[in-house]
Amino acid sequence: MTTVEEIKKAAANLSPDEQVELFQWLENSDELRRLRYEQLKRDIAAGIEEADRGETSLLDIEEIKSVVRERANSGNHP
């Protein structure tokens, strides 16, 4: 059993309050923030490269609103 599997098993035995505390601890860890920041920088760089190659399209706000409304009405949230 890997360490991650052991942690998952132990976490499953925690009370709901303890699970929330564990989640908050992980969510607020400096390492996780650093990893998310690095991923964000990669995503932005990829988007800039796509724009430089002309691989962009216009944003249709009304279409986006329509999709959001449909999902909200159907209960199908991402």
Protein backbone atom coordinates (compact mmCIF):
# COMPACT_ATOMS: atom_id res chain seq x y z
CA MET A 1 0.00 0.00 0.00
CA THR A 2 1.39 3.41 -0.95
CA THR A 3 1.56 6.35 1.42
CA VAL A 4 -1.20 8.10 -0.52
CA GLU A 5 -3.42 5.04 -0.24
CA GLU A 6 -2.74 4.91 3.51
CA ILE A 7 -3.62 8.59 3.86
CA LYS A 8 -6.83 8.13 1.88
CA LYS A 9 -7.81 5.19 4.05
CA ALA A 10 -7.07 7.12 7.24
CA ALA A 11 -8.94 10.19 5.96
CA ALA A 12 -12.01 8.08 5.26
CA ASN A 13 -12.12 7.25 8.98
CA LEU A 14 -12.06 10.89 10.08
CA SER A 15 -15.13 12.70 11.29
CA PRO A 16 -16.67 15.20 8.83
CA ASP A 17 -15.18 18.08 10.83
CA GLU A 18 -11.75 16.46 10.74
CA GLN A 19 -12.07 15.87 6.98
CA VAL A 20 -12.87 19.56 6.48
CA GLU A 21 -9.87 20.51 8.60
CA LEU A 22 -7.63 18.20 6.55
CA PHE A 23 -8.98 19.58 3.28
CA GLN A 24 -8.41 23.17 4.44
CA TRP A 25 -4.88 22.32 5.53
CA LEU A 26 -4.09 20.81 2.13
CA GLU A 27 -5.86 23.60 0.25
CA ASN A 28 -3.84 26.26 2.06
CA SER A 29 -0.46 24.58 1.82
CA ASP A 30 2.33 26.68 0.34
CA GLU A 31 3.39 23.83 -1.96
CA LEU A 32 -0.10 23.48 -3.44
CA ARG A 33 -0.29 27.24 -3.99
CA ARG A 34 3.11 27.16 -5.71
CA LEU A 35 2.05 24.28 -7.96
CA ARG A 36 -1.20 26.03 -8.90
CA TYR A 37 0.69 29.25 -9.63
CA GLU A 38 3.15 27.40 -11.88
CA GLN A 39 0.25 25.72 -13.73
CA LEU A 40 -1.47 29.08 -14.17
CA LYS A 41 1.71 30.53 -15.69
CA ARG A 42 1.93 27.56 -18.11
CA ASP A 43 -1.73 27.97 -19.08
CA ILE A 44 -1.31 31.69 -19.69
CA ALA A 45 1.83 31.11 -21.78
CA ALA A 46 -0.03 28.50 -23.87
CA GLY A 47 -2.91 30.93 -24.40
CA ILE A 48 -0.55 33.68 -25.50
CA GLU A 49 1.14 31.29 -27.95
CA GLU A 50 -2.25 30.33 -29.39
CA ALA A 51 -3.20 34.00 -29.75
CA ASP A 52 0.12 34.74 -31.45
CA ARG A 53 -0.64 31.98 -33.97
CA GLY A 54 -4.09 33.48 -34.57
CA GLU A 55 -5.89 30.57 -32.92
CA THR A 56 -8.53 32.71 -31.25
CA SER A 57 -12.24 33.26 -31.59
CA LEU A 58 -14.70 35.88 -30.49
CA LEU A 59 -16.42 35.37 -27.17
CA ASP A 60 -20.20 35.12 -27.50
CA ILE A 61 -21.47 36.35 -24.13
CA GLU A 62 -25.10 35.61 -24.94
CA GLU A 63 -24.23 32.00 -25.83
CA ILE A 64 -22.32 31.63 -22.57
CA LYS A 65 -25.26 33.04 -20.59
CA SER A 66 -27.58 30.62 -22.35
CA VAL A 67 -25.40 27.62 -21.49
CA VAL A 68 -25.12 28.74 -17.86
CA ARG A 69 -28.89 29.16 -17.61
CA GLU A 70 -29.50 25.72 -19.13
CA ARG A 71 -27.10 24.09 -16.69
CA ALA A 72 -28.61 25.96 -13.74
CA ASN A 73 -32.12 24.91 -14.74
CA SER A 74 -31.16 21.29 -15.31
CA GLY A 75 -29.12 20.97 -12.13
CA ASN A 76 -26.17 19.88 -14.28
CA HIS A 77 -23.33 21.86 -12.72
CA PRO A 78 -19.69 21.31 -13.70
